[in-house]
Amino acid sequence: MTTTQSRGGTVAASSAPPPARGGTTVHRPPLLPRLRKHWWSYVFLIPMILLFGAFTVWPMIASWWYAFFDWDGVGAATDWVGLGNFTEVLGNEMFWQAFWNSFLFSVVAICVEMPLALLFAILLNNHRLRGRDLYRLALFLPVVATTAVVGIVFAVLFDPAGGVVNDTLTGLGLIDRPINFLGSTTTALPTLMGIDLWKGFGITLIYWLAALQTVPKEIYEASRIDGANSGQQLRYVTLPMLTPIAIVILLLVFQRSLNTFDLVQATTQGGPVRSTDVVPTYIYRYAFDPFIQAPRYGFACAAGVVFGLLTLVITLMQAPLLRHRYKAGAA
């Protein structure tokens, strides 16, 4: 509402929207008429909405609800235990061991995979490198391979009885006897971390390559005119310009690596002696393991809820630091 004073002293009121840039007025129709006008377009969203609700929204709501019951998955959940499942999860040493292993996967992905992928992305972003598209394809191929199949293949490769890796190391004289890479409590977890790094390296590489395309070429040309060499361009141009996008990449890598399941399940199933157990395999064991007599779906749901909340807390703890880095990179 605007008022104007005329020459005769009268006041005129106007409820017209303010003029847009350039002097023209933009009239945006209400939401309901726009929905009616384009109703046919929204029909195509119905299958996606139904699938999203059935396989994402409903399982999330149901897991919260069943977490308050001692339920074996058969019939209706009637045995209300309140916070009993959550108390048992928080006091279970094996849960915290599984959570620590999941966290170690994220630490390796952030501290090793991300910097290494950035280094390779910078090398493969060089237009003077011949065959760079072939190198990109070779590094990305493990990403499209099914993780369960990758786990089975590596289990065969690392087999202490006739595996290619042990036969090669023994033939070269590097070891005296075969190493049980996936069957020893000291080597199983590092071996799985190495496989997970190899499997997820390609997608992190693609993230960095996409981020490098956002750096304007004019800035490189200006820095080159000012006498900056390649190392100085990397330090004072590339890395600061990548900081805002690097924050997004860090969160993506953190979430992906924290939920490692199929690789562990296909190779060690959390063994030996739960040394490679991660939270997803811990939850799977209580809900779907055929070797237990009575599944504990309620307890598994509570473990999933606790894991989700802990992941949220860790992510929020990173927010102040990431916000500071974002402002520093955007400045």
Protein backbone atom coordinates (compact mmCIF):
# COMPACT_ATOMS: atom_id res chain seq x y z
CA MET A 1 0.00 0.00 0.00
CA THR A 2 1.49 3.34 -1.08
CA THR A 3 0.14 6.89 -0.56
CA THR A 4 0.69 9.95 -2.71
CA GLN A 5 -0.08 13.59 -1.96
CA SER A 6 -1.80 15.45 -4.78
CA ARG A 7 -1.65 19.20 -5.42
CA GLY A 8 -5.10 19.71 -3.83
CA GLY A 9 -4.08 17.96 -0.64
CA THR A 10 -5.91 14.69 -1.20
CA VAL A 11 -4.25 11.38 -0.45
CA ALA A 12 -4.51 8.53 -2.94
CA ALA A 13 -3.92 4.92 -1.90
CA SER A 14 -2.61 2.25 -4.19
CA SER A 15 -2.16 -1.50 -3.58
CA ALA A 16 -0.36 -2.18 -6.86
CA PRO A 17 2.88 -4.19 -6.60
CA PRO A 18 6.10 -2.22 -6.83
CA PRO A 19 7.53 -1.84 -10.33
CA ALA A 20 10.22 -4.29 -11.26
CA ARG A 21 13.64 -3.33 -12.52
CA GLY A 22 13.33 -1.40 -15.75
CA GLY A 23 10.01 0.26 -14.84
CA THR A 24 7.70 -2.66 -15.73
CA THR A 25 5.31 -4.26 -13.25
CA VAL A 26 5.45 -8.04 -12.80
CA HIS A 27 2.07 -9.64 -12.05
CA ARG A 28 2.49 -13.16 -10.65
CA PRO A 29 -0.76 -15.15 -10.74
CA PRO A 30 -1.86 -16.94 -7.56
CA LEU A 31 -0.73 -20.51 -6.89
CA LEU A 32 -4.09 -22.26 -7.37
CA PRO A 33 -4.77 -20.90 -10.88
CA ARG A 34 -1.25 -21.85 -11.90
CA LEU A 35 -1.78 -25.40 -10.61
CA ARG A 36 -5.04 -25.65 -12.52
CA LYS A 37 -3.41 -24.36 -15.68
CA HIS A 38 -0.54 -26.86 -15.59
CA TRP A 39 -2.35 -29.75 -13.87
CA TRP A 40 -1.35 -32.22 -16.58
CA SER A 41 2.33 -31.63 -15.87
CA TYR A 42 1.88 -32.57 -12.22
CA VAL A 43 0.22 -35.87 -13.15
CA PHE A 44 3.63 -37.18 -14.20
CA LEU A 45 4.92 -36.54 -10.67
CA ILE A 46 2.38 -38.89 -9.09
CA PRO A 47 4.40 -42.14 -9.61
CA MET A 48 7.51 -40.53 -8.14
CA ILE A 49 5.56 -39.15 -5.17
CA LEU A 50 3.97 -42.53 -4.48
CA LEU A 51 7.29 -44.39 -4.69
CA PHE A 52 9.05 -41.77 -2.56
CA GLY A 53 6.33 -41.96 0.06
CA ALA A 54 6.21 -45.77 0.08
CA PHE A 55 9.96 -46.49 0.10
CA THR A 56 11.41 -43.41 1.83
CA VAL A 57 8.92 -41.45 3.91
CA TRP A 58 6.95 -44.37 5.32
CA PRO A 59 10.02 -46.47 6.33
CA MET A 60 11.44 -43.43 8.15
CA ILE A 61 8.22 -42.84 10.07
CA ALA A 62 7.73 -46.55 10.75
CA SER A 63 11.27 -46.99 12.07
CA TRP A 64 10.68 -44.25 14.64
CA TRP A 65 7.38 -45.87 15.67
CA TYR A 66 8.62 -49.45 15.91
CA ALA A 67 11.69 -48.34 17.87
CA PHE A 68 9.44 -48.04 20.92
CA PHE A 69 8.28 -51.68 20.73
CA ASP A 70 9.82 -55.07 21.41
CA TRP A 71 8.71 -56.37 18.01
CA ASP A 72 9.89 -59.40 16.05
CA GLY A 73 8.30 -58.34 12.75
CA VAL A 74 5.36 -60.74 12.98
CA GLY A 75 1.89 -59.35 13.52
CA ALA A 76 1.12 -56.02 15.08
CA ALA A 77 3.58 -54.28 17.37
CA THR A 78 1.93 -54.37 20.80
CA ASP A 79 4.75 -54.86 23.33
CA TRP A 80 5.50 -51.23 24.22
CA VAL A 81 8.93 -50.75 25.84
CA GLY A 82 9.24 -46.98 25.55
CA LEU A 83 12.87 -45.89 25.60
CA GLY A 84 14.09 -49.37 26.52
CA ASN A 85 15.49 -50.12 23.06
CA PHE A 86 17.31 -46.79 22.94
CA THR A 87 18.80 -47.36 26.38
CA GLU A 88 20.01 -50.80 25.34
CA VAL A 89 21.55 -49.43 22.13
CA LEU A 90 23.40 -46.64 23.92
CA GLY A 91 24.73 -49.09 26.49
CA ASN A 92 25.78 -51.73 23.97
CA GLU A 93 29.55 -51.85 23.51
CA MET A 94 29.26 -53.60 20.15
CA PHE A 95 27.14 -50.73 18.79
CA TRP A 96 29.80 -48.18 19.68
CA GLN A 97 32.50 -50.39 18.15
CA ALA A 98 30.46 -50.55 14.95
CA PHE A 99 29.94 -46.79 15.05
CA TRP A 100 33.68 -46.23 15.52
CA ASN A 101 34.43 -48.43 12.49
CA SER A 102 31.89 -46.48 10.41
CA PHE A 103 33.52 -43.25 11.54
CA LEU A 104 36.97 -44.56 10.53
CA PHE A 105 35.66 -45.20 7.02
CA SER A 106 34.67 -41.52 6.84
CA VAL A 107 38.01 -40.35 8.22
CA VAL A 108 39.90 -42.31 5.56
CA ALA A 109 37.58 -41.01 2.83
CA ILE A 110 37.97 -37.38 3.92
CA CYS A 111 41.69 -37.38 4.80
CA VAL A 112 42.97 -39.68 2.03
CA GLU A 113 40.42 -40.03 -0.75
CA MET A 114 39.47 -36.34 -1.06
CA PRO A 115 43.02 -34.90 -1.32
CA LEU A 116 44.14 -37.72 -3.62
CA ALA A 117 41.11 -37.25 -5.87
CA LEU A 118 41.79 -33.49 -5.99
CA LEU A 119 45.38 -34.13 -7.06
CA PHE A 120 44.28 -36.46 -9.85
CA ALA A 121 41.52 -34.03 -10.88
CA ILE A 122 44.05 -31.22 -11.27
CA LEU A 123 46.27 -33.48 -13.38
CA LEU A 124 43.39 -34.72 -15.53
CA ASN A 125 42.07 -31.17 -15.98
CA ASN A 126 45.21 -30.25 -17.90
CA HIS A 127 44.29 -29.85 -21.57
CA ARG A 128 47.84 -30.74 -22.62
CA LEU A 129 47.60 -34.22 -21.10
CA ARG A 130 47.09 -36.76 -23.86
CA GLY A 131 44.55 -39.51 -23.26
CA ARG A 132 43.05 -37.79 -20.22
CA ASP A 133 39.52 -38.96 -21.14
CA LEU A 134 40.75 -42.55 -21.10
CA TYR A 135 42.31 -42.03 -17.68
CA ARG A 136 39.08 -40.51 -16.38
CA LEU A 137 37.11 -43.50 -17.66
CA ALA A 138 39.51 -45.97 -16.08
CA LEU A 139 39.30 -44.26 -12.69
CA PHE A 140 35.51 -44.00 -12.84
CA LEU A 141 34.80 -47.62 -13.85
CA PRO A 142 34.87 -48.98 -10.26
CA VAL A 143 32.02 -46.62 -9.38
CA VAL A 144 29.57 -48.24 -11.81
CA ALA A 145 30.51 -51.75 -10.69
CA THR A 146 28.13 -53.34 -8.19
CA THR A 147 29.64 -53.11 -4.72
CA ALA A 148 28.51 -56.61 -3.74
CA VAL A 149 30.24 -58.04 -6.81
CA VAL A 150 33.35 -55.98 -6.05
CA GLY A 151 33.40 -57.42 -2.54
CA ILE A 152 33.15 -60.99 -3.79
CA VAL A 153 35.90 -60.43 -6.36
CA PHE A 154 38.26 -58.95 -3.77
CA ALA A 155 37.46 -61.78 -1.36
CA VAL A 156 38.71 -64.19 -4.03
CA LEU A 157 41.76 -62.04 -4.81
CA PHE A 158 42.78 -61.81 -1.14
CA ASP A 159 42.10 -65.48 -0.40
CA PRO A 160 45.12 -66.83 1.51
CA ALA A 161 44.73 -70.21 -0.22
CA GLY A 162 45.47 -69.55 -3.88
CA GLY A 163 44.51 -65.87 -4.07
CA VAL A 164 46.26 -63.78 -6.71
CA VAL A 165 47.51 -61.19 -4.22
CA ASN A 166 49.15 -63.69 -1.88
CA ASP A 167 50.58 -65.74 -4.74
CA THR A 168 52.11 -62.59 -6.25
CA LEU A 169 53.58 -61.36 -2.97
CA THR A 170 54.96 -64.80 -2.18
CA GLY A 171 56.41 -65.21 -5.66
CA LEU A 172 58.18 -61.85 -5.39
CA GLY A 173 59.62 -62.81 -2.03
CA LEU A 174 57.91 -59.94 -0.20
CA ILE A 175 56.23 -62.26 2.31
CA ASP A 176 57.18 -65.68 3.67
CA ARG A 177 53.67 -67.04 4.07
CA PRO A 178 50.21 -66.00 2.86
CA ILE A 179 48.41 -63.22 4.71
CA ASN A 180 44.76 -63.64 5.61
CA PHE A 181 43.82 -60.08 4.69
CA LEU A 182 40.07 -60.44 5.35
CA GLY A 183 40.31 -63.08 8.07
CA SER A 184 42.59 -61.37 10.57
CA THR A 185 41.44 -58.81 13.12
CA THR A 186 44.49 -56.66 12.40
CA THR A 187 44.26 -56.54 8.60
CA ALA A 188 40.57 -56.96 7.78
CA LEU A 189 39.43 -53.40 8.53
CA PRO A 190 42.36 -51.62 6.76
CA THR A 191 41.85 -53.91 3.76
CA LEU A 192 38.17 -53.01 3.54
CA MET A 193 39.01 -49.31 3.85
CA GLY A 194 41.42 -49.64 0.93
CA ILE A 195 38.78 -51.38 -1.19
CA ASP A 196 36.20 -48.73 -0.28
CA LEU A 197 38.66 -45.98 -1.21
CA TRP A 198 39.30 -47.62 -4.59
CA LYS A 199 35.56 -48.07 -5.16
CA GLY A 200 34.53 -44.50 -4.30
CA PHE A 201 37.56 -42.70 -5.71
CA GLY A 202 35.99 -42.16 -9.13
CA ILE A 203 32.88 -40.32 -7.94
CA THR A 204 34.96 -37.99 -5.74
CA LEU A 205 37.20 -37.38 -8.75
CA ILE A 206 34.15 -36.36 -10.79
CA TYR A 207 33.10 -33.95 -8.04
CA TRP A 208 36.48 -32.23 -8.16
CA LEU A 209 36.57 -32.15 -11.96
CA ALA A 210 33.16 -30.47 -11.98
CA ALA A 211 34.37 -27.99 -9.36
CA LEU A 212 37.45 -27.12 -11.42
CA GLN A 213 35.23 -26.16 -14.35
CA THR A 214 33.72 -23.36 -12.26
CA VAL A 215 37.03 -21.49 -11.97
CA PRO A 216 37.03 -18.77 -14.66
CA LYS A 217 39.87 -19.05 -17.15
CA GLU A 218 40.25 -15.27 -17.11
CA ILE A 219 41.59 -15.45 -13.55
CA TYR A 220 44.31 -17.88 -14.63
CA GLU A 221 45.21 -15.63 -17.54
CA ALA A 222 45.38 -12.56 -15.30
CA SER A 223 47.56 -14.36 -12.76
CA ARG A 224 49.82 -15.60 -15.53
CA ILE A 225 50.25 -12.05 -16.78
CA ASP A 226 51.17 -10.99 -13.24
CA GLY A 227 53.95 -13.59 -13.27
CA ALA A 228 52.38 -16.40 -11.23
CA ASN A 229 53.70 -19.89 -11.92
CA SER A 230 51.70 -23.12 -11.75
CA GLY A 231 52.30 -23.66 -8.04
CA GLN A 232 51.28 -20.11 -7.18
CA GLN A 233 48.14 -20.43 -9.32
CA LEU A 234 47.22 -23.59 -7.46
CA ARG A 235 47.77 -22.00 -4.05
CA TYR A 236 46.34 -18.54 -4.60
CA VAL A 237 43.74 -19.11 -7.33
CA THR A 238 42.52 -22.70 -7.61
CA LEU A 239 42.26 -23.75 -3.97
CA PRO A 240 40.56 -20.55 -2.71
CA MET A 241 38.07 -20.67 -5.59
CA LEU A 242 37.27 -24.33 -4.83
CA THR A 243 36.63 -23.79 -1.11
CA PRO A 244 32.83 -23.24 -1.30
CA ILE A 245 32.32 -26.30 -3.50
CA ALA A 246 34.80 -28.32 -1.44
CA ILE A 247 32.46 -27.97 1.54
CA VAL A 248 29.67 -29.63 -0.42
CA ILE A 249 32.02 -32.38 -1.62
CA LEU A 250 33.16 -33.01 1.95
CA LEU A 251 29.58 -33.50 3.15
CA LEU A 252 28.78 -35.81 0.23
CA VAL A 253 31.86 -37.95 0.84
CA PHE A 254 31.19 -38.02 4.58
CA GLN A 255 27.61 -39.24 4.14
CA ARG A 256 28.56 -41.85 1.54
CA SER A 257 31.44 -43.36 3.49
CA LEU A 258 29.56 -43.40 6.78
CA ASN A 259 26.94 -45.77 5.37
CA THR A 260 29.17 -48.55 4.08
CA PHE A 261 27.15 -51.77 4.11
CA ASP A 262 27.22 -53.87 0.96
CA LEU A 263 31.02 -54.06 0.78
CA VAL A 264 31.34 -55.27 4.39
CA GLN A 265 28.38 -57.62 4.08
CA ALA A 266 29.73 -59.20 0.88
CA THR A 267 33.25 -59.78 2.24
CA THR A 268 33.44 -60.23 6.01
CA GLN A 269 29.84 -59.77 7.26
CA GLY A 270 31.31 -57.79 10.15
CA GLY A 271 33.89 -60.40 11.12
CA PRO A 272 36.26 -61.64 12.20
CA VAL A 273 35.09 -61.22 15.81
CA ARG A 274 33.09 -58.10 14.78
CA SER A 275 36.34 -56.26 13.98
CA THR A 276 34.90 -54.91 10.71
CA ASP A 277 31.34 -54.44 11.94
CA VAL A 278 29.76 -51.13 10.90
CA VAL A 279 26.44 -49.73 12.02
CA PRO A 280 24.49 -50.84 8.91
CA THR A 281 25.68 -54.45 9.31
CA TYR A 282 24.97 -54.21 13.04
CA ILE A 283 21.39 -53.17 12.30
CA TYR A 284 21.03 -55.82 9.59
CA ARG A 285 22.15 -58.56 11.96
CA TYR A 286 19.38 -57.87 14.48
CA ALA A 287 16.68 -57.42 11.85
CA PHE A 288 17.40 -59.93 9.08
CA ASP A 289 20.13 -62.34 10.14
CA PRO A 290 18.75 -65.85 9.45
CA PHE A 291 20.92 -67.38 12.19
CA ILE A 292 19.12 -65.65 15.06
CA GLN A 293 15.98 -67.33 16.33
CA ALA A 294 13.82 -64.23 16.88
CA PRO A 295 14.54 -61.05 14.90
CA ARG A 296 14.52 -57.84 16.93
CA TYR A 297 13.07 -55.33 14.51
CA GLY A 298 12.27 -52.86 17.26
CA PHE A 299 15.83 -52.89 18.57
CA ALA A 300 17.20 -52.59 15.01
CA CYS A 301 14.93 -49.58 14.36
CA ALA A 302 16.17 -47.94 17.56
CA ALA A 303 19.78 -48.51 16.49
CA GLY A 304 19.00 -46.92 13.11
CA VAL A 305 17.40 -43.90 14.77
CA VAL A 306 20.37 -43.43 17.11
CA PHE A 307 22.78 -43.76 14.20
CA GLY A 308 20.84 -41.16 12.21
CA LEU A 309 20.81 -38.73 15.12
CA LEU A 310 24.54 -39.20 15.75
CA THR A 311 25.24 -38.58 12.07
CA LEU A 312 23.14 -35.41 12.23
CA VAL A 313 25.02 -34.20 15.30
CA ILE A 314 28.41 -34.77 13.66
CA THR A 315 27.23 -32.93 10.55
CA LEU A 316 25.95 -29.98 12.60
CA MET A 317 29.22 -29.85 14.52
CA GLN A 318 30.99 -29.22 11.23
CA ALA A 319 28.66 -26.33 10.34
CA PRO A 320 30.52 -23.46 12.14
CA LEU A 321 33.89 -24.51 10.69
CA LEU A 322 32.44 -25.02 7.22
CA ARG A 323 30.63 -21.69 7.36
CA HIS A 324 33.88 -19.95 8.29
CA ARG A 325 35.75 -21.69 5.46
CA TYR A 326 32.95 -20.80 3.04
CA LYS A 327 33.16 -17.10 3.91
CA ALA A 328 36.95 -17.20 3.67
CA GLY A 329 36.77 -18.85 0.26
CA ALA A 330 34.08 -16.52 -1.04
CA ALA A 331 35.91 -13.40 0.16
